[in-house]
Amino acid sequence: MDKINVLLLLISCIFGVVYGHETTNSTSIGQKQLVKWCIAQPSAPQDKLQGFIDYACGVVDCSAIQPGGSCYYPTMVVSHADYALSMLYRVKGSCNLYIAKIVTDNPSYGSCNYP
C-alpha cells in the first residue's frame, strides 16, 4: 500500500512539473494565510499573453480591464494579462507557469484591486 501511495505522489509531482501549473492560491503559515497571485512573466511573448487574455475573459469577469474599468490603465498587454491570470487563478486555482509566475506581493495599484 505504501509503494502505491509513493508512486501516486511521484506521478502527481511529475505531471505538475510537466504541465507547468500551480494549483493552490493560498498557503497556511501557522495561523496566518499567505495569499498568492498569478501574474505574467515579463519575458512572456505578447501574443501568448493576448491569447491568454482572450481565453480567460471568456471564462471569468474581465470588466475591470475593459474601457472604463478600474484596471484598464495602463493599456499594456502585460498589465491586462496580470489581471486576467489572477482572476482565473482565483476561480480555477491554476496558474500557467509557461507565461506566468506566482507572487505573494499584492499586485493591486490605485483603484485597481486584484482578486
Protein backbone atom coordinates (compact mmCIF):
# COMPACT_ATOMS: atom_id res chain seq x y z
CA MET A 1 0.00 0.00 0.00
CA ASP A 2 2.82 2.45 0.85
CA LYS A 3 4.50 1.80 -2.50
CA ILE A 4 1.29 2.69 -4.31
CA ASN A 5 0.94 5.97 -2.35
CA VAL A 6 4.55 6.91 -3.10
CA LEU A 7 4.06 6.06 -6.76
CA LEU A 8 0.91 8.20 -6.95
CA LEU A 9 2.71 11.09 -5.25
CA LEU A 10 5.59 10.88 -7.74
CA ILE A 11 3.19 10.78 -10.68
CA SER A 12 1.34 13.83 -9.32
CA CYS A 13 4.62 15.73 -8.92
CA ILE A 14 5.78 14.82 -12.42
CA PHE A 15 2.52 15.94 -14.03
CA GLY A 16 2.61 19.18 -12.04
CA VAL A 17 6.09 19.94 -13.39
CA VAL A 18 5.41 18.72 -16.94
CA TYR A 19 2.23 20.72 -17.35
CA GLY A 20 3.56 23.77 -15.50
CA HIS A 21 0.58 24.56 -13.32
CA GLU A 22 0.45 25.84 -9.76
CA THR A 23 -2.78 24.69 -8.20
CA THR A 24 -3.07 26.45 -4.83
CA ASN A 25 -3.66 30.15 -4.40
CA SER A 26 -3.01 30.35 -0.66
CA THR A 27 -0.81 28.64 1.88
CA SER A 28 -1.23 28.45 5.64
CA ILE A 29 1.73 29.53 7.71
CA GLY A 30 0.88 28.90 11.33
CA GLN A 31 -2.37 30.80 11.86
CA LYS A 32 -1.68 33.29 9.04
CA GLN A 33 -2.90 32.69 5.50
CA LEU A 34 -0.38 33.63 2.78
CA VAL A 35 -2.26 34.82 -0.31
CA LYS A 36 -0.74 34.30 -3.75
CA TRP A 37 -1.40 35.85 -7.13
CA CYS A 38 -0.60 34.65 -10.62
CA ILE A 39 0.90 37.36 -12.85
CA ALA A 40 2.59 37.46 -16.24
CA GLN A 41 6.29 36.79 -16.59
CA PRO A 42 7.94 39.92 -18.01
CA SER A 43 9.61 37.79 -20.71
CA ALA A 44 6.36 36.14 -21.89
CA PRO A 45 5.59 36.75 -25.58
CA GLN A 46 2.90 39.39 -26.14
CA ASP A 47 0.93 37.14 -28.49
CA LYS A 48 0.79 34.37 -25.87
CA LEU A 49 -0.38 36.85 -23.23
CA GLN A 50 -3.05 38.26 -25.56
CA GLY A 51 -4.22 34.74 -26.35
CA PHE A 52 -4.49 34.03 -22.66
CA ILE A 53 -6.46 37.24 -22.06
CA ASP A 54 -8.89 36.23 -24.82
CA TYR A 55 -9.31 32.77 -23.29
CA ALA A 56 -9.56 33.91 -19.64
CA CYS A 57 -12.08 36.65 -20.39
CA GLY A 58 -14.36 34.01 -21.87
CA VAL A 59 -14.27 32.20 -18.51
CA VAL A 60 -14.07 34.95 -15.86
CA ASP A 61 -15.29 38.54 -15.48
CA CYS A 62 -12.76 40.84 -17.13
CA SER A 63 -14.82 44.02 -16.94
CA ALA A 64 -12.08 45.65 -14.84
CA ILE A 65 -9.67 45.60 -17.83
CA GLN A 66 -12.26 46.84 -20.33
CA PRO A 67 -12.52 50.57 -21.22
CA GLY A 68 -13.83 52.40 -18.16
CA GLY A 69 -12.81 49.56 -15.84
CA SER A 70 -10.71 50.14 -12.72
CA CYS A 71 -7.72 48.23 -14.19
CA TYR A 72 -7.96 49.40 -17.81
CA TYR A 73 -4.94 51.72 -17.45
CA PRO A 74 -2.15 51.17 -18.24
CA THR A 75 -3.36 49.75 -21.54
CA MET A 76 -0.49 47.31 -21.88
CA VAL A 77 -0.96 43.63 -22.72
CA VAL A 78 1.17 42.55 -19.75
CA SER A 79 -0.93 44.60 -17.30
CA HIS A 80 -4.20 43.20 -18.62
CA ALA A 81 -2.69 39.69 -18.63
CA ASP A 82 -1.70 40.13 -14.97
CA TYR A 83 -5.32 40.80 -14.07
CA ALA A 84 -6.74 38.00 -16.25
CA LEU A 85 -4.19 35.50 -14.90
CA SER A 86 -5.03 36.42 -11.32
CA MET A 87 -8.78 36.21 -11.94
CA LEU A 88 -8.50 32.76 -13.48
CA TYR A 89 -6.13 31.69 -10.68
CA ARG A 90 -8.78 32.69 -8.10
CA VAL A 91 -11.60 30.94 -9.94
CA LYS A 92 -9.90 27.83 -11.32
CA GLY A 93 -6.98 27.51 -8.90
CA SER A 94 -4.30 27.05 -11.55
CA CYS A 95 -1.56 29.27 -12.94
CA ASN A 96 0.04 28.71 -16.35
CA LEU A 97 3.71 28.80 -15.37
CA TYR A 98 4.84 28.93 -19.01
CA ILE A 99 3.73 32.56 -19.24
CA ALA A 100 3.17 33.45 -15.59
CA LYS A 101 4.60 33.23 -12.10
CA ILE A 102 3.25 33.04 -8.57
CA VAL A 103 3.84 36.06 -6.32
CA THR A 104 2.95 36.85 -2.72
CA ASP A 105 3.09 40.65 -3.08
CA ASN A 106 -0.33 42.04 -3.93
CA PRO A 107 -0.11 43.48 -7.48
CA SER A 108 -3.09 45.82 -6.91
CA TYR A 109 -2.49 49.51 -7.62
CA GLY A 110 -4.52 52.69 -7.27
CA SER A 111 -8.20 51.78 -7.67
CA CYS A 112 -7.30 48.51 -9.41
CA ASN A 113 -7.82 45.69 -6.91
CA TYR A 114 -6.66 42.24 -7.89
CA PRO A 115 -8.74 39.30 -6.75
